[in-house]
């Protein structure tokens, strides 16, 4: 709403109070864009082109602006109404945009056990991409999930933006606290009078550490194993069987 009111103010102040609505109802002759650096005008033209020739109204203006914001390219859009000819029989709508910053570098801090290359494969952001803190947070969550897959159950990852306002770029920095990799020493059962331990182990993907198995603990895999054990009992008529721990 703040952006809309700001744009409305620009339109109303364009030619003074007496002529503030000269552009209302005038056909839109064209659109102009200023402030584009990373985004090509050719990407925006398909959005505004259908409105050329349309009588200008605030409803039309809001509709166009909403579509431009929906691209997720811009932090701010300011607007102006310019005469399309000397008689002011048409209007050129000018959008002055402030693009979202782009990624200059992706920095990792604290990754001593996992390689930079394999961590970067798990995130979506790349150099040159436009970026928001929300995207950084999602990638931080992806890195955390990757560490969990590798058995680092206490891993924590935070992502921050380090801006260069003059260049309109940011360094994306992920600070990683790896913790200790958790390995499975053994798997034990109790209360299983019907099925032997060896039988239940065969239903599981989780394996203890050995010469042939890394034994890395993965909580998601364990949850799947618990369900497999429960299914084993249910399929054999133990409908009330459950795993307590």
C-alpha atoms as a PDB file:
ATOM      1  CA  UNK A   1       0.000   0.000   0.000  1.00  0.00           C
ATOM      2  CA  UNK A   2       2.865   2.402   0.780  1.00  0.00           C
ATOM      3  CA  UNK A   3       4.330   1.917  -2.715  1.00  0.00           C
ATOM      4  CA  UNK A   4       0.950   2.479  -4.331  1.00  0.00           C
ATOM      5  CA  UNK A   5       0.347   5.699  -2.399  1.00  0.00           C
ATOM      6  CA  UNK A   6       3.841   6.932  -3.248  1.00  0.00           C
ATOM      7  CA  UNK A   7       3.256   6.286  -6.931  1.00  0.00           C
ATOM      8  CA  UNK A   8      -0.141   7.967  -6.768  1.00  0.00           C
ATOM      9  CA  UNK A   9       1.504  11.009  -5.196  1.00  0.00           C
ATOM     10  CA  UNK A  10       4.002  11.219  -8.061  1.00  0.00           C
ATOM     11  CA  UNK A  11       1.182  11.158 -10.589  1.00  0.00           C
ATOM     12  CA  UNK A  12      -0.850  13.766  -8.772  1.00  0.00           C
ATOM     13  CA  UNK A  13       2.090  16.120  -8.256  1.00  0.00           C
ATOM     14  CA  UNK A  14       3.315  15.890 -11.831  1.00  0.00           C
ATOM     15  CA  UNK A  15       1.741  19.023 -13.249  1.00  0.00           C
ATOM     16  CA  UNK A  16       0.403  20.774 -10.147  1.00  0.00           C
ATOM     17  CA  UNK A  17      -2.944  20.607  -8.443  1.00  0.00           C
ATOM     18  CA  UNK A  18      -4.886  22.263 -11.256  1.00  0.00           C
ATOM     19  CA  UNK A  19      -3.725  19.728 -13.823  1.00  0.00           C
ATOM     20  CA  UNK A  20      -3.261  16.728 -11.578  1.00  0.00           C
ATOM     21  CA  UNK A  21      -5.554  14.393 -13.543  1.00  0.00           C
ATOM     22  CA  UNK A  22      -4.692  15.334 -17.118  1.00  0.00           C
ATOM     23  CA  UNK A  23      -3.558  11.768 -17.841  1.00  0.00           C
ATOM     24  CA  UNK A  24      -6.730  10.025 -16.588  1.00  0.00           C
ATOM     25  CA  UNK A  25      -8.574   8.485 -19.543  1.00  0.00           C
ATOM     26  CA  UNK A  26      -5.791   9.289 -22.027  1.00  0.00           C
ATOM     27  CA  UNK A  27      -4.566   6.364 -24.137  1.00  0.00           C
ATOM     28  CA  UNK A  28      -1.248   4.881 -23.053  1.00  0.00           C
ATOM     29  CA  UNK A  29       1.213   5.557 -25.853  1.00  0.00           C
ATOM     30  CA  UNK A  30       4.165   3.671 -24.420  1.00  0.00           C
ATOM     31  CA  UNK A  31       6.104   2.627 -21.334  1.00  0.00           C
ATOM     32  CA  UNK A  32       9.612   3.606 -20.271  1.00  0.00           C
ATOM     33  CA  UNK A  33      11.946   2.074 -17.680  1.00  0.00           C
ATOM     34  CA  UNK A  34      14.862   3.596 -15.823  1.00  0.00           C
ATOM     35  CA  UNK A  35      17.215   1.986 -13.308  1.00  0.00           C
ATOM     36  CA  UNK A  36      17.542  -1.343 -15.103  1.00  0.00           C
ATOM     37  CA  UNK A  37      20.960  -2.940 -14.665  1.00  0.00           C
ATOM     38  CA  UNK A  38      20.593  -6.695 -14.458  1.00  0.00           C
ATOM     39  CA  UNK A  39      17.057  -7.041 -15.775  1.00  0.00           C
ATOM     40  CA  UNK A  40      16.651  -6.583 -19.523  1.00  0.00           C
ATOM     41  CA  UNK A  41      13.816  -4.349 -20.716  1.00  0.00           C
ATOM     42  CA  UNK A  42      12.867  -7.123 -23.144  1.00  0.00           C
ATOM     43  CA  UNK A  43      11.791  -9.190 -20.107  1.00  0.00           C
ATOM     44  CA  UNK A  44       9.344  -6.470 -19.047  1.00  0.00           C
ATOM     45  CA  UNK A  45       7.904  -5.565 -22.433  1.00  0.00           C
ATOM     46  CA  UNK A  46       5.586  -8.615 -22.686  1.00  0.00           C
ATOM     47  CA  UNK A  47       3.921  -7.495 -19.455  1.00  0.00           C
ATOM     48  CA  UNK A  48       3.235  -3.883 -20.446  1.00  0.00           C
ATOM     49  CA  UNK A  49       2.738  -4.275 -24.204  1.00  0.00           C
ATOM     50  CA  UNK A  50      -0.934  -5.384 -23.969  1.00  0.00           C
ATOM     51  CA  UNK A  51      -1.754  -2.112 -22.177  1.00  0.00           C
ATOM     52  CA  UNK A  52      -0.549   0.163 -24.991  1.00  0.00           C
ATOM     53  CA  UNK A  53      -3.599   1.985 -26.334  1.00  0.00           C
ATOM     54  CA  UNK A  54      -5.590   1.318 -23.165  1.00  0.00           C
ATOM     55  CA  UNK A  55      -7.139   4.411 -21.524  1.00  0.00           C
ATOM     56  CA  UNK A  56      -5.118   5.222 -18.433  1.00  0.00           C
ATOM     57  CA  UNK A  57      -6.778   4.699 -15.066  1.00  0.00           C
ATOM     58  CA  UNK A  58      -5.478   4.075 -11.595  1.00  0.00           C
ATOM     59  CA  UNK A  59      -6.959   0.570 -11.742  1.00  0.00           C
ATOM     60  CA  UNK A  60      -4.908  -0.162 -14.878  1.00  0.00           C
ATOM     61  CA  UNK A  61      -1.815   1.355 -13.287  1.00  0.00           C
ATOM     62  CA  UNK A  62      -2.154  -0.763 -10.118  1.00  0.00           C
ATOM     63  CA  UNK A  63      -2.673  -3.882 -12.211  1.00  0.00           C
ATOM     64  CA  UNK A  64       0.529  -3.262 -14.188  1.00  0.00           C
ATOM     65  CA  UNK A  65       2.550  -2.446 -11.085  1.00  0.00           C
ATOM     66  CA  UNK A  66       1.332  -5.598  -9.347  1.00  0.00           C
ATOM     67  CA  UNK A  67       2.504  -7.693 -12.306  1.00  0.00           C
ATOM     68  CA  UNK A  68       5.928  -6.019 -12.252  1.00  0.00           C
ATOM     69  CA  UNK A  69       6.348  -6.668  -8.526  1.00  0.00           C
ATOM     70  CA  UNK A  70       5.255 -10.278  -9.046  1.00  0.00           C
ATOM     71  CA  UNK A  71       8.397 -10.850 -11.112  1.00  0.00           C
ATOM     72  CA  UNK A  72      10.328 -10.528  -7.816  1.00  0.00           C
ATOM     73  CA  UNK A  73      13.042  -8.467  -9.533  1.00  0.00           C
ATOM     74  CA  UNK A  74      12.512  -5.146  -7.767  1.00  0.00           C
ATOM     75  CA  UNK A  75      12.761  -3.769  -4.262  1.00  0.00           C
ATOM     76  CA  UNK A  76      10.908  -0.589  -5.236  1.00  0.00           C
ATOM     77  CA  UNK A  77       9.095   0.885  -8.240  1.00  0.00           C
ATOM     78  CA  UNK A  78       8.383   4.598  -8.584  1.00  0.00           C
ATOM     79  CA  UNK A  79       6.189   5.868 -11.383  1.00  0.00           C
ATOM     80  CA  UNK A  80       5.675   8.989 -13.431  1.00  0.00           C
ATOM     81  CA  UNK A  81       3.239  10.130 -16.125  1.00  0.00           C
ATOM     82  CA  UNK A  82       4.803  11.864 -19.128  1.00  0.00           C
ATOM     83  CA  UNK A  83       2.950  13.522 -22.005  1.00  0.00           C
ATOM     84  CA  UNK A  84       2.950  11.363 -25.107  1.00  0.00           C
ATOM     85  CA  UNK A  85       2.739  14.437 -27.358  1.00  0.00           C
ATOM     86  CA  UNK A  86       2.616  18.227 -27.149  1.00  0.00           C
ATOM     87  CA  UNK A  87      -1.162  18.274 -26.851  1.00  0.00           C
ATOM     88  CA  UNK A  88      -1.098  15.771 -23.982  1.00  0.00           C
ATOM     89  CA  UNK A  89      -3.542  13.640 -25.855  1.00  0.00           C
ATOM     90  CA  UNK A  90      -1.704  10.478 -24.754  1.00  0.00           C
ATOM     91  CA  UNK A  91       0.486   9.408 -21.859  1.00  0.00           C
ATOM     92  CA  UNK A  92       3.809   7.599 -21.460  1.00  0.00           C
ATOM     93  CA  UNK A  93       4.067   5.710 -18.184  1.00  0.00           C
ATOM     94  CA  UNK A  94       7.607   5.721 -16.808  1.00  0.00           C
ATOM     95  CA  UNK A  95       8.750   3.241 -14.163  1.00  0.00           C
ATOM     96  CA  UNK A  96      11.909   4.032 -12.180  1.00  0.00           C
ATOM     97  CA  UNK A  97      12.948   0.748 -10.594  1.00  0.00           C
ATOM     98  CA  UNK A  98      15.375  -0.312  -7.879  1.00  0.00           C
ATOM     99  CA  UNK A  99      16.510  -3.843  -8.590  1.00  0.00           C
ATOM    100  CA  UNK A 100      17.116  -6.399  -5.888  1.00  0.00           C
ATOM    101  CA  UNK A 101      20.852  -6.964  -5.293  1.00  0.00           C
ATOM    102  CA  UNK A 102      22.670  -9.777  -7.050  1.00  0.00           C
ATOM    103  CA  UNK A 103      25.054 -12.323  -5.573  1.00  0.00           C
ATOM    104  CA  UNK A 104      28.730 -11.405  -5.963  1.00  0.00           C
ATOM    105  CA  UNK A 105      30.190 -14.274  -3.928  1.00  0.00           C
ATOM    106  CA  UNK A 106      28.962 -17.203  -1.851  1.00  0.00           C
ATOM    107  CA  UNK A 107      31.079 -17.642   1.265  1.00  0.00           C
ATOM    108  CA  UNK A 108      31.212 -20.679   3.575  1.00  0.00           C
ATOM    109  CA  UNK A 109      32.609 -20.491   7.078  1.00  0.00           C
ATOM    110  CA  UNK A 110      33.124 -23.412   9.453  1.00  0.00           C
ATOM    111  CA  UNK A 111      32.856 -26.344   6.999  1.00  0.00           C
ATOM    112  CA  UNK A 112      35.805 -28.445   8.080  1.00  0.00           C
ATOM    113  CA  UNK A 113      34.409 -31.926   7.394  1.00  0.00           C
ATOM    114  CA  UNK A 114      32.332 -31.426   4.243  1.00  0.00           C
ATOM    115  CA  UNK A 115      33.747 -29.986   1.025  1.00  0.00           C
ATOM    116  CA  UNK A 116      32.679 -26.619  -0.351  1.00  0.00           C
ATOM    117  CA  UNK A 117      31.745 -28.106  -3.729  1.00  0.00           C
ATOM    118  CA  UNK A 118      29.321 -30.669  -2.312  1.00  0.00           C
ATOM    119  CA  UNK A 119      27.695 -28.061  -0.054  1.00  0.00           C
ATOM    120  CA  UNK A 120      27.189 -25.621  -2.948  1.00  0.00           C
ATOM    121  CA  UNK A 121      25.474 -28.384  -4.926  1.00  0.00           C
ATOM    122  CA  UNK A 122      22.726 -28.423  -2.292  1.00  0.00           C
ATOM    123  CA  UNK A 123      21.748 -24.753  -2.563  1.00  0.00           C
ATOM    124  CA  UNK A 124      19.795 -22.894  -5.241  1.00  0.00           C
ATOM    125  CA  UNK A 125      21.580 -19.529  -5.144  1.00  0.00           C
ATOM    126  CA  UNK A 126      24.350 -18.929  -7.674  1.00  0.00           C
ATOM    127  CA  UNK A 127      26.624 -15.998  -8.488  1.00  0.00           C
ATOM    128  CA  UNK A 128      24.700 -13.330 -10.392  1.00  0.00           C
ATOM    129  CA  UNK A 129      21.296 -14.344  -9.024  1.00  0.00           C
ATOM    130  CA  UNK A 130      19.002 -11.783  -7.456  1.00  0.00           C
ATOM    131  CA  UNK A 131      18.660 -12.554  -3.786  1.00  0.00           C
ATOM    132  CA  UNK A 132      16.512 -11.945  -0.716  1.00  0.00           C
ATOM    133  CA  UNK A 133      17.023 -12.979   2.898  1.00  0.00           C
ATOM    134  CA  UNK A 134      14.190 -15.486   2.498  1.00  0.00           C
ATOM    135  CA  UNK A 135      16.123 -17.286  -0.264  1.00  0.00           C
ATOM    136  CA  UNK A 136      19.259 -17.297   1.901  1.00  0.00           C
ATOM    137  CA  UNK A 137      17.313 -18.817   4.799  1.00  0.00           C
ATOM    138  CA  UNK A 138      15.959 -21.575   2.554  1.00  0.00           C
ATOM    139  CA  UNK A 139      19.469 -22.423   1.377  1.00  0.00           C
ATOM    140  CA  UNK A 140      20.725 -22.421   4.973  1.00  0.00           C
ATOM    141  CA  UNK A 141      17.999 -24.975   5.758  1.00  0.00           C
ATOM    142  CA  UNK A 142      19.126 -27.063   2.763  1.00  0.00           C
ATOM    143  CA  UNK A 143      22.718 -27.084   4.050  1.00  0.00           C
ATOM    144  CA  UNK A 144      21.504 -28.093   7.508  1.00  0.00           C
ATOM    145  CA  UNK A 145      19.514 -30.973   6.004  1.00  0.00           C
ATOM    146  CA  UNK A 146      22.624 -32.094   4.102  1.00  0.00           C
ATOM    147  CA  UNK A 147      24.625 -32.203   7.331  1.00  0.00           C
ATOM    148  CA  UNK A 148      21.865 -34.229   8.998  1.00  0.00           C
ATOM    149  CA  UNK A 149      22.067 -36.720   6.129  1.00  0.00           C
ATOM    150  CA  UNK A 150      25.766 -37.069   6.867  1.00  0.00           C
ATOM    151  CA  UNK A 151      25.146 -37.770  10.543  1.00  0.00           C
ATOM    152  CA  UNK A 152      25.883 -34.316  11.978  1.00  0.00           C
ATOM    153  CA  UNK A 153      22.838 -34.224  14.227  1.00  0.00           C
ATOM    154  CA  UNK A 154      23.827 -30.989  15.998  1.00  0.00           C
ATOM    155  CA  UNK A 155      24.693 -29.011  12.854  1.00  0.00           C
ATOM    156  CA  UNK A 156      23.502 -25.402  12.702  1.00  0.00           C
ATOM    157  CA  UNK A 157      23.705 -23.080   9.694  1.00  0.00           C
ATOM    158  CA  UNK A 158      22.979 -19.342   9.513  1.00  0.00           C
ATOM    159  CA  UNK A 159      22.894 -17.245   6.353  1.00  0.00           C
ATOM    160  CA  UNK A 160      23.528 -13.507   6.116  1.00  0.00           C
ATOM    161  CA  UNK A 161      23.815 -10.869   3.409  1.00  0.00           C
ATOM    162  CA  UNK A 162      26.847  -8.584   3.227  1.00  0.00           C
ATOM    163  CA  UNK A 163      25.819  -5.753   0.894  1.00  0.00           C
ATOM    164  CA  UNK A 164      27.856  -3.534  -1.386  1.00  0.00           C
ATOM    165  CA  UNK A 165      25.361  -0.720  -1.896  1.00  0.00           C
ATOM    166  CA  UNK A 166      27.365   1.080  -4.568  1.00  0.00           C
ATOM    167  CA  UNK A 167      27.537  -2.013  -6.779  1.00  0.00           C
ATOM    168  CA  UNK A 168      24.058  -3.239  -5.695  1.00  0.00           C
ATOM    169  CA  UNK A 169      25.563  -6.657  -4.974  1.00  0.00           C
ATOM    170  CA  UNK A 170      25.849  -8.817  -1.885  1.00  0.00           C
ATOM    171  CA  UNK A 171      28.096 -11.541  -0.592  1.00  0.00           C
ATOM    172  CA  UNK A 172      26.038 -14.404   0.772  1.00  0.00           C
ATOM    173  CA  UNK A 173      27.719 -15.883   3.844  1.00  0.00           C
ATOM    174  CA  UNK A 174      26.785 -19.199   5.431  1.00  0.00           C
ATOM    175  CA  UNK A 175      28.201 -19.693   8.934  1.00  0.00           C
ATOM    176  CA  UNK A 176      28.284 -23.424   9.718  1.00  0.00           C
ATOM    177  CA  UNK A 177      28.632 -25.094  13.097  1.00  0.00           C
ATOM    178  CA  UNK A 178      29.136 -28.740  12.198  1.00  0.00           C
ATOM    179  CA  UNK A 179      29.162 -30.414  15.612  1.00  0.00           C
ATOM    180  CA  UNK A 180      30.258 -34.026  15.860  1.00  0.00           C
ATOM    181  CA  UNK A 181      29.320 -36.707  13.361  1.00  0.00           C
ATOM    182  CA  UNK A 182      27.165 -39.343  15.038  1.00  0.00           C
ATOM    183  CA  UNK A 183      27.789 -43.017  14.261  1.00  0.00           C
ATOM    184  CA  UNK A 184      25.719 -46.018  15.347  1.00  0.00           C
ATOM    185  CA  UNK A 185      27.617 -48.386  17.636  1.00  0.00           C
ATOM    186  CA  UNK A 186      24.891 -51.030  17.933  1.00  0.00           C
ATOM    187  CA  UNK A 187      21.181 -51.725  17.465  1.00  0.00           C
ATOM    188  CA  UNK A 188      19.323 -53.504  20.269  1.00  0.00           C
ATOM    189  CA  UNK A 189      15.734 -54.660  20.753  1.00  0.00           C
ATOM    190  CA  UNK A 190      13.604 -55.548  23.745  1.00  0.00           C
ATOM    191  CA  UNK A 191      10.114 -56.976  24.032  1.00  0.00           C
ATOM    192  CA  UNK A 192      10.349 -58.839  20.725  1.00  0.00           C
ATOM    193  CA  UNK A 193       9.394 -62.399  21.713  1.00  0.00           C
ATOM    194  CA  UNK A 194       7.829 -63.175  18.324  1.00  0.00           C
ATOM    195  CA  UNK A 195      10.680 -62.039  16.039  1.00  0.00           C
ATOM    196  CA  UNK A 196      14.381 -62.459  16.602  1.00  0.00           C
ATOM    197  CA  UNK A 197      16.702 -59.447  16.669  1.00  0.00           C
ATOM    198  CA  UNK A 198      18.306 -60.620  13.428  1.00  0.00           C
ATOM    199  CA  UNK A 199      14.909 -60.764  11.711  1.00  0.00           C
ATOM    200  CA  UNK A 200      14.042 -57.200  12.717  1.00  0.00           C
ATOM    201  CA  UNK A 201      17.462 -55.910  11.675  1.00  0.00           C
ATOM    202  CA  UNK A 202      16.802 -57.198   8.169  1.00  0.00           C
ATOM    203  CA  UNK A 203      13.806 -54.834   7.868  1.00  0.00           C
ATOM    204  CA  UNK A 204      16.024 -51.847   8.654  1.00  0.00           C
ATOM    205  CA  UNK A 205      18.167 -49.632   6.441  1.00  0.00           C
ATOM    206  CA  UNK A 206      20.024 -48.299   9.471  1.00  0.00           C
ATOM    207  CA  UNK A 207      23.154 -50.347  10.162  1.00  0.00           C
ATOM    208  CA  UNK A 208      25.736 -50.163  12.954  1.00  0.00           C
ATOM    209  CA  UNK A 209      29.263 -49.086  12.106  1.00  0.00           C
ATOM    210  CA  UNK A 210      31.400 -51.892  10.673  1.00  0.00           C
ATOM    211  CA  UNK A 211      33.952 -52.617   7.974  1.00  0.00           C
ATOM    212  CA  UNK A 212      31.142 -52.771   5.426  1.00  0.00           C
ATOM    213  CA  UNK A 213      28.902 -49.970   6.746  1.00  0.00           C
ATOM    214  CA  UNK A 214      29.658 -46.403   7.721  1.00  0.00           C
ATOM    215  CA  UNK A 215      27.042 -46.500  10.484  1.00  0.00           C
ATOM    216  CA  UNK A 216      26.204 -42.816   9.990  1.00  0.00           C
ATOM    217  CA  UNK A 217      23.087 -41.901  11.906  1.00  0.00           C
ATOM    218  CA  UNK A 218      20.257 -40.414   9.835  1.00  0.00           C
ATOM    219  CA  UNK A 219      17.081 -39.564  11.696  1.00  0.00           C
ATOM    220  CA  UNK A 220      14.930 -39.725   8.559  1.00  0.00           C
ATOM    221  CA  UNK A 221      16.193 -43.233   7.814  1.00  0.00           C
ATOM    222  CA  UNK A 222      15.550 -44.311  11.410  1.00  0.00           C
ATOM    223  CA  UNK A 223      11.955 -43.062  11.230  1.00  0.00           C
ATOM    224  CA  UNK A 224      11.485 -45.141   8.082  1.00  0.00           C
ATOM    225  CA  UNK A 225      12.977 -48.162   9.867  1.00  0.00           C
ATOM    226  CA  UNK A 226      10.606 -47.796  12.820  1.00  0.00           C
ATOM    227  CA  UNK A 227       7.665 -47.812  10.423  1.00  0.00           C
ATOM    228  CA  UNK A 228       9.041 -50.888   8.651  1.00  0.00           C
ATOM    229  CA  UNK A 229       9.285 -52.777  11.952  1.00  0.00           C
ATOM    230  CA  UNK A 230       5.720 -51.792  12.862  1.00  0.00           C
ATOM    231  CA  UNK A 231       4.518 -52.912   9.404  1.00  0.00           C
ATOM    232  CA  UNK A 232       6.309 -56.237   9.861  1.00  0.00           C
ATOM    233  CA  UNK A 233       4.266 -56.931  12.996  1.00  0.00           C
ATOM    234  CA  UNK A 234       0.977 -55.604  11.577  1.00  0.00           C
ATOM    235  CA  UNK A 235       1.262 -57.816   8.501  1.00  0.00           C
ATOM    236  CA  UNK A 236       1.595 -60.835  10.819  1.00  0.00           C
ATOM    237  CA  UNK A 237      -1.523 -60.098  12.823  1.00  0.00           C
ATOM    238  CA  UNK A 238      -0.069 -57.995  15.630  1.00  0.00           C
ATOM    239  CA  UNK A 239      -2.418 -55.070  14.965  1.00  0.00           C
ATOM    240  CA  UNK A 240      -1.690 -53.396  18.305  1.00  0.00           C
ATOM    241  CA  UNK A 241       2.067 -53.651  18.005  1.00  0.00           C
ATOM    242  CA  UNK A 242       3.918 -50.400  18.549  1.00  0.00           C
ATOM    243  CA  UNK A 243       7.470 -49.214  19.131  1.00  0.00           C
ATOM    244  CA  UNK A 244       7.775 -47.375  22.410  1.00  0.00           C
ATOM    245  CA  UNK A 245      11.316 -46.030  22.015  1.00  0.00           C
END
